């Protein structure tokens, strides 16, 4: 029973790493840019129990379907319009572009 738990945790860890690597690889390949609006959905940073720092999410639409992402930028405010990039085949893979 204990070895099944260890194998399950190891499998999950490998899966999460694989998804992150795939996301970064796809975002580094062919992407499309568009504009998104910052929405009132908070994403707390890792040390948030101490500092309570967060960033807001953004929302954009592709082919009539809404997608969200994390700005990762504590300077963004609700209602801001930001430039983002996303993978056309999988818009859930998206990120905010740096300001120009």
PDB file of N, CA and C in Angstrom:
ATOM      1  N   UNK A   1       0.834  -1.197   0.000  1.00  0.00           N
ATOM      2  CA  UNK A   1       0.000   0.000   0.000  1.00  0.00           C
ATOM      3  C   UNK A   1       0.871   1.251   0.000  1.00  0.00           C
ATOM      4  N   UNK A   2       1.923   1.271   0.804  1.00  0.00           N
ATOM      5  CA  UNK A   2       2.812   2.431   0.871  1.00  0.00           C
ATOM      6  C   UNK A   2       3.523   2.677  -0.439  1.00  0.00           C
ATOM      7  N   UNK A   3       3.923   1.588  -1.124  1.00  0.00           N
ATOM      8  CA  UNK A   3       4.630   1.754  -2.396  1.00  0.00           C
ATOM      9  C   UNK A   3       3.691   2.299  -3.474  1.00  0.00           C
ATOM     10  N   UNK A   4       2.407   1.958  -3.403  1.00  0.00           N
ATOM     11  CA  UNK A   4       1.439   2.518  -4.351  1.00  0.00           C
ATOM     12  C   UNK A   4       1.302   4.023  -4.165  1.00  0.00           C
ATOM     13  N   UNK A   5       1.300   4.461  -2.926  1.00  0.00           N
ATOM     14  CA  UNK A   5       1.214   5.888  -2.628  1.00  0.00           C
ATOM     15  C   UNK A   5       2.435   6.612  -3.171  1.00  0.00           C
ATOM     16  N   UNK A   6       3.610   6.047  -2.943  1.00  0.00           N
ATOM     17  CA  UNK A   6       4.852   6.651  -3.430  1.00  0.00           C
ATOM     18  C   UNK A   6       4.839   6.710  -4.957  1.00  0.00           C
ATOM     19  N   UNK A   7       4.422   5.628  -5.606  1.00  0.00           N
ATOM     20  CA  UNK A   7       4.351   5.611  -7.067  1.00  0.00           C
ATOM     21  C   UNK A   7       3.335   6.632  -7.585  1.00  0.00           C
ATOM     22  N   UNK A   8       2.235   6.752  -6.902  1.00  0.00           N
ATOM     23  CA  UNK A   8       1.217   7.724  -7.294  1.00  0.00           C
ATOM     24  C   UNK A   8       1.722   9.151  -7.187  1.00  0.00           C
ATOM     25  N   UNK A   9       2.399   9.448  -6.081  1.00  0.00           N
ATOM     26  CA  UNK A   9       2.963  10.789  -5.900  1.00  0.00           C
ATOM     27  C   UNK A   9       4.045  11.080  -6.926  1.00  0.00           C
ATOM     28  N   UNK A  10       4.881  10.106  -7.196  1.00  0.00           N
ATOM     29  CA  UNK A  10       5.938  10.264  -8.197  1.00  0.00           C
ATOM     30  C   UNK A  10       5.324  10.494  -9.579  1.00  0.00           C
ATOM     31  N   UNK A  11       4.306   9.727  -9.915  1.00  0.00           N
ATOM     32  CA  UNK A  11       3.623   9.891 -11.193  1.00  0.00           C
ATOM     33  C   UNK A  11       2.997  11.269 -11.337  1.00  0.00           C
ATOM     34  N   UNK A  12       2.386  11.761 -10.283  1.00  0.00           N
ATOM     35  CA  UNK A  12       1.784  13.090 -10.300  1.00  0.00           C
ATOM     36  C   UNK A  12       2.851  14.157 -10.503  1.00  0.00           C
ATOM     37  N   UNK A  13       3.961  14.039  -9.803  1.00  0.00           N
ATOM     38  CA  UNK A  13       5.072  14.984  -9.903  1.00  0.00           C
ATOM     39  C   UNK A  13       5.604  15.033 -11.331  1.00  0.00           C
ATOM     40  N   UNK A  14       5.794  13.882 -11.942  1.00  0.00           N
ATOM     41  CA  UNK A  14       6.278  13.817 -13.326  1.00  0.00           C
ATOM     42  C   UNK A  14       5.252  14.442 -14.273  1.00  0.00           C
ATOM     43  N   UNK A  15       3.975  14.177 -14.039  1.00  0.00           N
ATOM     44  CA  UNK A  15       2.907  14.750 -14.857  1.00  0.00           C
ATOM     45  C   UNK A  15       2.927  16.274 -14.790  1.00  0.00           C
ATOM     46  N   UNK A  16       3.007  16.830 -13.576  1.00  0.00           N
ATOM     47  CA  UNK A  16       3.008  18.289 -13.401  1.00  0.00           C
ATOM     48  C   UNK A  16       4.222  18.912 -14.083  1.00  0.00           C
ATOM     49  N   UNK A  17       5.381  18.304 -13.930  1.00  0.00           N
ATOM     50  CA  UNK A  17       6.582  18.817 -14.598  1.00  0.00           C
ATOM     51  C   UNK A  17       6.428  18.750 -16.114  1.00  0.00           C
ATOM     52  N   UNK A  18       5.870  17.685 -16.604  1.00  0.00           N
ATOM     53  CA  UNK A  18       5.669  17.525 -18.044  1.00  0.00           C
ATOM     54  C   UNK A  18       4.729  18.569 -18.609  1.00  0.00           C
ATOM     55  N   UNK A  19       3.639  18.859 -17.897  1.00  0.00           N
ATOM     56  CA  UNK A  19       2.684  19.882 -18.346  1.00  0.00           C
ATOM     57  C   UNK A  19       3.366  21.244 -18.374  1.00  0.00           C
ATOM     58  N   UNK A  20       4.128  21.570 -17.349  1.00  0.00           N
ATOM     59  CA  UNK A  20       4.834  22.860 -17.304  1.00  0.00           C
ATOM     60  C   UNK A  20       5.827  22.994 -18.440  1.00  0.00           C
ATOM     61  N   UNK A  21       6.568  21.933 -18.717  1.00  0.00           N
ATOM     62  CA  UNK A  21       7.553  21.959 -19.802  1.00  0.00           C
ATOM     63  C   UNK A  21       6.845  22.075 -21.147  1.00  0.00           C
ATOM     64  N   UNK A  22       5.745  21.369 -21.322  1.00  0.00           N
ATOM     65  CA  UNK A  22       4.986  21.432 -22.561  1.00  0.00           C
ATOM     66  C   UNK A  22       4.428  22.834 -22.778  1.00  0.00           C
ATOM     67  N   UNK A  23       3.916  23.433 -21.713  1.00  0.00           N
ATOM     68  CA  UNK A  23       3.366  24.790 -21.795  1.00  0.00           C
ATOM     69  C   UNK A  23       4.440  25.764 -22.244  1.00  0.00           C
ATOM     70  N   UNK A  24       5.598  25.713 -21.610  1.00  0.00           N
ATOM     71  CA  UNK A  24       6.688  26.625 -21.957  1.00  0.00           C
ATOM     72  C   UNK A  24       7.164  26.396 -23.384  1.00  0.00           C
ATOM     73  N   UNK A  25       7.242  25.153 -23.806  1.00  0.00           N
ATOM     74  CA  UNK A  25       7.691  24.837 -25.162  1.00  0.00           C
ATOM     75  C   UNK A  25       6.694  25.386 -26.181  1.00  0.00           C
ATOM     76  N   UNK A  26       5.408  25.185 -25.930  1.00  0.00           N
ATOM     77  CA  UNK A  26       4.390  25.666 -26.861  1.00  0.00           C
ATOM     78  C   UNK A  26       4.338  27.189 -26.895  1.00  0.00           C
ATOM     79  N   UNK A  27       4.507  27.842 -25.738  1.00  0.00           N
ATOM     80  CA  UNK A  27       4.505  29.294 -25.704  1.00  0.00           C
ATOM     81  C   UNK A  27       5.745  29.869 -26.384  1.00  0.00           C
ATOM     82  N   UNK A  28       6.804  29.077 -26.468  1.00  0.00           N
ATOM     83  CA  UNK A  28       8.012  29.513 -27.148  1.00  0.00           C
ATOM     84  C   UNK A  28       7.941  29.297 -28.652  1.00  0.00           C
ATOM     85  N   UNK A  29       6.946  28.545 -29.104  1.00  0.00           N
ATOM     86  CA  UNK A  29       6.785  28.250 -30.533  1.00  0.00           C
ATOM     87  C   UNK A  29       5.786  29.239 -31.133  1.00  0.00           C
ATOM     88  N   UNK A  30       4.936  28.768 -31.992  1.00  0.00           N
ATOM     89  CA  UNK A  30       3.970  29.615 -32.680  1.00  0.00           C
ATOM     90  C   UNK A  30       2.868  30.065 -31.723  1.00  0.00           C
ATOM     91  N   UNK A  31       2.744  31.368 -31.546  1.00  0.00           N
ATOM     92  CA  UNK A  31       1.705  31.929 -30.695  1.00  0.00           C
ATOM     93  C   UNK A  31       1.001  33.059 -31.438  1.00  0.00           C
ATOM     94  N   UNK A  32      -0.124  33.444 -30.913  1.00  0.00           N
ATOM     95  CA  UNK A  32      -0.886  34.576 -31.416  1.00  0.00           C
ATOM     96  C   UNK A  32      -0.988  35.597 -30.300  1.00  0.00           C
ATOM     97  N   UNK A  33      -0.921  36.871 -30.643  1.00  0.00           N
ATOM     98  CA  UNK A  33      -1.071  37.914 -29.627  1.00  0.00           C
ATOM     99  C   UNK A  33      -2.446  38.543 -29.748  1.00  0.00           C
ATOM    100  N   UNK A  34      -2.946  39.003 -28.627  1.00  0.00           N
ATOM    101  CA  UNK A  34      -4.228  39.697 -28.572  1.00  0.00           C
ATOM    102  C   UNK A  34      -4.247  40.555 -27.319  1.00  0.00           C
ATOM    103  N   UNK A  35      -5.373  41.166 -27.069  1.00  0.00           N
ATOM    104  CA  UNK A  35      -5.540  41.976 -25.865  1.00  0.00           C
ATOM    105  C   UNK A  35      -6.505  41.278 -24.920  1.00  0.00           C
ATOM    106  N   UNK A  36      -6.285  41.487 -23.646  1.00  0.00           N
ATOM    107  CA  UNK A  36      -7.124  40.889 -22.607  1.00  0.00           C
ATOM    108  C   UNK A  36      -7.450  41.960 -21.576  1.00  0.00           C
ATOM    109  N   UNK A  37      -8.494  41.728 -20.823  1.00  0.00           N
ATOM    110  CA  UNK A  37      -8.870  42.656 -19.754  1.00  0.00           C
ATOM    111  C   UNK A  37      -8.568  41.999 -18.410  1.00  0.00           C
ATOM    112  N   UNK A  38      -8.015  42.789 -17.496  1.00  0.00           N
ATOM    113  CA  UNK A  38      -7.703  42.300 -16.151  1.00  0.00           C
ATOM    114  C   UNK A  38      -9.011  42.230 -15.368  1.00  0.00           C
ATOM    115  N   UNK A  39      -9.246  41.077 -14.736  1.00  0.00           N
ATOM    116  CA  UNK A  39     -10.497  40.840 -14.005  1.00  0.00           C
ATOM    117  C   UNK A  39     -10.233  40.723 -12.503  1.00  0.00           C
ATOM    118  N   UNK A  40     -11.292  40.806 -11.737  1.00  0.00           N
ATOM    119  CA  UNK A  40     -11.198  40.781 -10.271  1.00  0.00           C
ATOM    120  C   UNK A  40     -11.135  39.350  -9.746  1.00  0.00           C
ATOM    121  N   UNK A  41     -10.048  38.680 -10.091  1.00  0.00           N
ATOM    122  CA  UNK A  41      -9.768  37.320  -9.606  1.00  0.00           C
ATOM    123  C   UNK A  41      -8.318  37.321  -9.146  1.00  0.00           C
ATOM    124  N   UNK A  42      -8.112  37.146  -7.843  1.00  0.00           N
ATOM    125  CA  UNK A  42      -6.771  37.264  -7.268  1.00  0.00           C
ATOM    126  C   UNK A  42      -6.016  35.934  -7.294  1.00  0.00           C
ATOM    127  N   UNK A  43      -4.708  36.014  -7.551  1.00  0.00           N
ATOM    128  CA  UNK A  43      -3.788  34.878  -7.523  1.00  0.00           C
ATOM    129  C   UNK A  43      -2.698  35.223  -6.508  1.00  0.00           C
ATOM    130  N   UNK A  44      -2.754  34.600  -5.351  1.00  0.00           N
ATOM    131  CA  UNK A  44      -1.793  34.923  -4.296  1.00  0.00           C
ATOM    132  C   UNK A  44      -0.447  34.282  -4.584  1.00  0.00           C
ATOM    133  N   UNK A  45       0.614  35.056  -4.311  1.00  0.00           N
ATOM    134  CA  UNK A  45       1.972  34.560  -4.505  1.00  0.00           C
ATOM    135  C   UNK A  45       2.292  33.526  -3.424  1.00  0.00           C
ATOM    136  N   UNK A  46       3.345  32.753  -3.640  1.00  0.00           N
ATOM    137  CA  UNK A  46       3.716  31.655  -2.750  1.00  0.00           C
ATOM    138  C   UNK A  46       3.870  32.039  -1.295  1.00  0.00           C
ATOM    139  N   UNK A  47       4.341  33.241  -1.019  1.00  0.00           N
ATOM    140  CA  UNK A  47       4.536  33.656   0.373  1.00  0.00           C
ATOM    141  C   UNK A  47       3.366  34.501   0.867  1.00  0.00           C
ATOM    142  N   UNK A  48       2.200  34.346   0.252  1.00  0.00           N
ATOM    143  CA  UNK A  48       1.061  35.200   0.567  1.00  0.00           C
ATOM    144  C   UNK A  48       0.590  35.146   2.020  1.00  0.00           C
ATOM    145  N   UNK A  49       0.747  34.031   2.771  1.00  0.00           N
ATOM    146  CA  UNK A  49       0.324  34.078   4.172  1.00  0.00           C
ATOM    147  C   UNK A  49       1.072  35.143   4.975  1.00  0.00           C
ATOM    148  N   UNK A  50       2.259  35.502   4.510  1.00  0.00           N
ATOM    149  CA  UNK A  50       3.045  36.518   5.208  1.00  0.00           C
ATOM    150  C   UNK A  50       2.809  37.891   4.593  1.00  0.00           C
ATOM    151  N   UNK A  51       2.976  38.002   3.285  1.00  0.00           N
ATOM    152  CA  UNK A  51       2.945  39.308   2.623  1.00  0.00           C
ATOM    153  C   UNK A  51       1.578  39.681   2.034  1.00  0.00           C
ATOM    154  N   UNK A  52       0.735  38.702   1.788  1.00  0.00           N
ATOM    155  CA  UNK A  52      -0.581  38.911   1.178  1.00  0.00           C
ATOM    156  C   UNK A  52      -0.484  39.544  -0.207  1.00  0.00           C
ATOM    157  N   UNK A  53       0.631  39.369  -0.915  1.00  0.00           N
ATOM    158  CA  UNK A  53       0.778  39.899  -2.262  1.00  0.00           C
ATOM    159  C   UNK A  53       0.056  39.006  -3.251  1.00  0.00           C
ATOM    160  N   UNK A  54      -0.467  39.614  -4.282  1.00  0.00           N
ATOM    161  CA  UNK A  54      -1.194  38.862  -5.301  1.00  0.00           C
ATOM    162  C   UNK A  54      -1.119  39.589  -6.630  1.00  0.00           C
ATOM    163  N   UNK A  55      -1.537  38.886  -7.670  1.00  0.00           N
ATOM    164  CA  UNK A  55      -1.731  39.493  -8.981  1.00  0.00           C
ATOM    165  C   UNK A  55      -3.143  39.131  -9.422  1.00  0.00           C
ATOM    166  N   UNK A  56      -3.663  39.903 -10.339  1.00  0.00           N
ATOM    167  CA  UNK A  56      -4.997  39.625 -10.863  1.00  0.00           C
ATOM    168  C   UNK A  56      -4.920  38.730 -12.092  1.00  0.00           C
ATOM    169  N   UNK A  57      -6.020  38.089 -12.393  1.00  0.00           N
ATOM    170  CA  UNK A  57      -6.147  37.294 -13.613  1.00  0.00           C
ATOM    171  C   UNK A  57      -6.562  38.204 -14.758  1.00  0.00           C
ATOM    172  N   UNK A  58      -6.442  37.677 -15.973  1.00  0.00           N
ATOM    173  CA  UNK A  58      -6.961  38.369 -17.147  1.00  0.00           C
ATOM    174  C   UNK A  58      -7.877  37.424 -17.896  1.00  0.00           C
ATOM    175  N   UNK A  59      -8.712  38.010 -18.753  1.00  0.00           N
ATOM    176  CA  UNK A  59      -9.671  37.223 -19.524  1.00  0.00           C
ATOM    177  C   UNK A  59      -9.640  37.681 -20.977  1.00  0.00           C
ATOM    178  N   UNK A  60      -9.723  36.716 -21.888  1.00  0.00           N
ATOM    179  CA  UNK A  60      -9.770  37.012 -23.316  1.00  0.00           C
ATOM    180  C   UNK A  60     -10.647  35.974 -23.991  1.00  0.00           C
ATOM    181  N   UNK A  61     -11.033  36.257 -25.228  1.00  0.00           N
ATOM    182  CA  UNK A  61     -11.952  35.386 -25.960  1.00  0.00           C
ATOM    183  C   UNK A  61     -11.313  34.920 -27.259  1.00  0.00           C
ATOM    184  N   UNK A  62     -11.439  33.632 -27.539  1.00  0.00           N
ATOM    185  CA  UNK A  62     -10.987  33.038 -28.797  1.00  0.00           C
ATOM    186  C   UNK A  62     -12.152  32.222 -29.350  1.00  0.00           C
ATOM    187  N   UNK A  63     -12.562  32.538 -30.563  1.00  0.00           N
ATOM    188  CA  UNK A  63     -13.651  31.818 -31.229  1.00  0.00           C
ATOM    189  C   UNK A  63     -14.896  31.713 -30.343  1.00  0.00           C
ATOM    190  N   UNK A  64     -15.224  32.805 -29.649  1.00  0.00           N
ATOM    191  CA  UNK A  64     -16.424  32.847 -28.824  1.00  0.00           C
ATOM    192  C   UNK A  64     -16.311  32.196 -27.458  1.00  0.00           C
ATOM    193  N   UNK A  65     -15.147  31.640 -27.126  1.00  0.00           N
ATOM    194  CA  UNK A  65     -14.947  30.989 -25.830  1.00  0.00           C
ATOM    195  C   UNK A  65     -14.006  31.827 -24.979  1.00  0.00           C
ATOM    196  N   UNK A  66     -14.351  31.993 -23.698  1.00  0.00           N
ATOM    197  CA  UNK A  66     -13.534  32.795 -22.779  1.00  0.00           C
ATOM    198  C   UNK A  66     -12.442  31.946 -22.142  1.00  0.00           C
ATOM    199  N   UNK A  67     -11.270  32.555 -22.012  1.00  0.00           N
ATOM    200  CA  UNK A  67     -10.117  31.935 -21.358  1.00  0.00           C
ATOM    201  C   UNK A  67      -9.548  32.917 -20.346  1.00  0.00           C
ATOM    202  N   UNK A  68      -8.871  32.382 -19.338  1.00  0.00           N
ATOM    203  CA  UNK A  68      -8.242  33.237 -18.334  1.00  0.00           C
ATOM    204  C   UNK A  68      -6.779  32.869 -18.171  1.00  0.00           C
ATOM    205  N   UNK A  69      -6.042  33.787 -17.588  1.00  0.00           N
ATOM    206  CA  UNK A  69      -4.642  33.567 -17.265  1.00  0.00           C
ATOM    207  C   UNK A  69      -4.261  34.451 -16.092  1.00  0.00           C
ATOM    208  N   UNK A  70      -3.073  34.273 -15.575  1.00  0.00           N
ATOM    209  CA  UNK A  70      -2.562  35.032 -14.444  1.00  0.00           C
ATOM    210  C   UNK A  70      -1.615  36.107 -14.968  1.00  0.00           C
ATOM    211  N   UNK A  71      -1.865  37.371 -14.612  1.00  0.00           N
ATOM    212  CA  UNK A  71      -0.974  38.438 -15.067  1.00  0.00           C
ATOM    213  C   UNK A  71       0.423  38.257 -14.486  1.00  0.00           C
ATOM    214  N   UNK A  72       0.518  37.721 -13.272  1.00  0.00           N
ATOM    215  CA  UNK A  72       1.811  37.577 -12.609  1.00  0.00           C
ATOM    216  C   UNK A  72       2.444  38.917 -12.288  1.00  0.00           C
ATOM    217  N   UNK A  73       1.665  39.979 -12.371  1.00  0.00           N
ATOM    218  CA  UNK A  73       2.163  41.347 -12.221  1.00  0.00           C
ATOM    219  C   UNK A  73       1.304  42.067 -11.188  1.00  0.00           C
ATOM    220  N   UNK A  74       1.868  42.363 -10.041  1.00  0.00           N
ATOM    221  CA  UNK A  74       1.098  43.009  -8.972  1.00  0.00           C
ATOM    222  C   UNK A  74       0.754  44.462  -9.294  1.00  0.00           C
ATOM    223  N   UNK A  75       1.301  45.009 -10.386  1.00  0.00           N
ATOM    224  CA  UNK A  75       0.992  46.381 -10.775  1.00  0.00           C
ATOM    225  C   UNK A  75      -0.257  46.490 -11.636  1.00  0.00           C
ATOM    226  N   UNK A  76      -0.749  45.381 -12.175  1.00  0.00           N
ATOM    227  CA  UNK A  76      -1.963  45.402 -12.994  1.00  0.00           C
ATOM    228  C   UNK A  76      -3.174  45.615 -12.097  1.00  0.00           C
ATOM    229  N   UNK A  77      -4.119  46.395 -12.606  1.00  0.00           N
ATOM    230  CA  UNK A  77      -5.339  46.691 -11.862  1.00  0.00           C
ATOM    231  C   UNK A  77      -6.560  46.209 -12.652  1.00  0.00           C
ATOM    232  N   UNK A  78      -7.629  45.908 -11.935  1.00  0.00           N
ATOM    233  CA  UNK A  78      -8.871  45.460 -12.574  1.00  0.00           C
ATOM    234  C   UNK A  78      -9.297  46.503 -13.607  1.00  0.00           C
ATOM    235  N   UNK A  79      -9.618  46.026 -14.816  1.00  0.00           N
ATOM    236  CA  UNK A  79     -10.045  46.901 -15.897  1.00  0.00           C
ATOM    237  C   UNK A  79      -8.934  47.267 -16.862  1.00  0.00           C
ATOM    238  N   UNK A  80      -7.671  47.048 -16.473  1.00  0.00           N
ATOM    239  CA  UNK A  80      -6.556  47.325 -17.378  1.00  0.00           C
ATOM    240  C   UNK A  80      -6.666  46.444 -18.613  1.00  0.00           C
ATOM    241  N   UNK A  81      -6.247  46.980 -19.745  1.00  0.00           N
ATOM    242  CA  UNK A  81      -6.160  46.215 -20.987  1.00  0.00           C
ATOM    243  C   UNK A  81      -4.684  45.888 -21.189  1.00  0.00           C
ATOM    244  N   UNK A  82      -4.384  44.608 -21.337  1.00  0.00           N
ATOM    245  CA  UNK A  82      -2.993  44.168 -21.470  1.00  0.00           C
ATOM    246  C   UNK A  82      -2.823  43.335 -22.735  1.00  0.00           C
ATOM    247  N   UNK A  83      -1.597  43.253 -23.207  1.00  0.00           N
ATOM    248  CA  UNK A  83      -1.276  42.418 -24.362  1.00  0.00           C
ATOM    249  C   UNK A  83      -0.826  41.058 -23.865  1.00  0.00           C
ATOM    250  N   UNK A  84      -1.335  40.003 -24.501  1.00  0.00           N
ATOM    251  CA  UNK A  84      -0.976  38.641 -24.111  1.00  0.00           C
ATOM    252  C   UNK A  84      -0.627  37.835 -25.362  1.00  0.00           C
ATOM    253  N   UNK A  85      -0.054  36.668 -25.130  1.00  0.00           N
ATOM    254  CA  UNK A  85       0.117  35.707 -26.216  1.00  0.00           C
ATOM    255  C   UNK A  85      -0.486  34.390 -25.761  1.00  0.00           C
ATOM    256  N   UNK A  86      -0.933  33.596 -26.749  1.00  0.00           N
ATOM    257  CA  UNK A  86      -1.519  32.293 -26.451  1.00  0.00           C
ATOM    258  C   UNK A  86      -1.236  31.337 -27.596  1.00  0.00           C
ATOM    259  N   UNK A  87      -1.354  30.053 -27.300  1.00  0.00           N
ATOM    260  CA  UNK A  87      -1.169  29.008 -28.306  1.00  0.00           C
ATOM    261  C   UNK A  87      -2.516  28.796 -28.999  1.00  0.00           C
ATOM    262  N   UNK A  88      -2.602  29.048 -30.308  1.00  0.00           N
ATOM    263  CA  UNK A  88      -3.893  28.932 -31.000  1.00  0.00           C
ATOM    264  C   UNK A  88      -4.565  27.559 -30.839  1.00  0.00           C
ATOM    265  N   UNK A  89      -3.785  26.502 -30.824  1.00  0.00           N
ATOM    266  CA  UNK A  89      -4.354  25.159 -30.687  1.00  0.00           C
ATOM    267  C   UNK A  89      -4.797  24.861 -29.257  1.00  0.00           C
ATOM    268  N   UNK A  90      -4.317  25.653 -28.283  1.00  0.00           N
ATOM    269  CA  UNK A  90      -4.650  25.432 -26.878  1.00  0.00           C
ATOM    270  C   UNK A  90      -4.553  26.760 -26.124  1.00  0.00           C
ATOM    271  N   UNK A  91      -5.574  27.620 -26.231  1.00  0.00           N
ATOM    272  CA  UNK A  91      -5.509  28.948 -25.601  1.00  0.00           C
ATOM    273  C   UNK A  91      -5.363  28.938 -24.082  1.00  0.00           C
ATOM    274  N   UNK A  92      -5.539  27.772 -23.441  1.00  0.00           N
ATOM    275  CA  UNK A  92      -5.291  27.727 -21.991  1.00  0.00           C
ATOM    276  C   UNK A  92      -3.812  27.948 -21.705  1.00  0.00           C
ATOM    277  N   UNK A  93      -2.961  27.754 -22.715  1.00  0.00           N
ATOM    278  CA  UNK A  93      -1.532  28.077 -22.590  1.00  0.00           C
ATOM    279  C   UNK A  93      -1.382  29.520 -23.038  1.00  0.00           C
ATOM    280  N   UNK A  94      -1.273  30.421 -22.075  1.00  0.00           N
ATOM    281  CA  UNK A  94      -1.212  31.845 -22.361  1.00  0.00           C
ATOM    282  C   UNK A  94      -0.362  32.553 -21.326  1.00  0.00           C
ATOM    283  N   UNK A  95       0.081  33.780 -21.675  1.00  0.00           N
ATOM    284  CA  UNK A  95       0.824  34.586 -20.702  1.00  0.00           C
ATOM    285  C   UNK A  95       0.809  36.041 -21.116  1.00  0.00           C
ATOM    286  N   UNK A  96       0.968  36.889 -20.121  1.00  0.00           N
ATOM    287  CA  UNK A  96       1.028  38.333 -20.333  1.00  0.00           C
ATOM    288  C   UNK A  96       2.361  38.671 -20.985  1.00  0.00           C
ATOM    289  N   UNK A  97       2.312  39.584 -21.956  1.00  0.00           N
ATOM    290  CA  UNK A  97       3.541  40.062 -22.561  1.00  0.00           C
ATOM    291  C   UNK A  97       4.031  41.274 -21.767  1.00  0.00           C
ATOM    292  N   UNK A  98       5.326  41.460 -21.729  1.00  0.00           N
ATOM    293  CA  UNK A  98       5.881  42.615 -21.044  1.00  0.00           C
ATOM    294  C   UNK A  98       5.415  43.895 -21.738  1.00  0.00           C
ATOM    295  N   UNK A  99       5.310  44.951 -20.982  1.00  0.00           N
ATOM    296  CA  UNK A  99       4.920  46.246 -21.555  1.00  0.00           C
ATOM    297  C   UNK A  99       5.965  46.712 -22.543  1.00  0.00           C
ATOM    298  N   UNK A 100       5.496  47.400 -23.551  1.00  0.00           N
ATOM    299  CA  UNK A 100       6.413  47.894 -24.570  1.00  0.00           C
ATOM    300  C   UNK A 100       6.792  49.320 -24.304  1.00  0.00           C
TER     301      UNK A 100
END
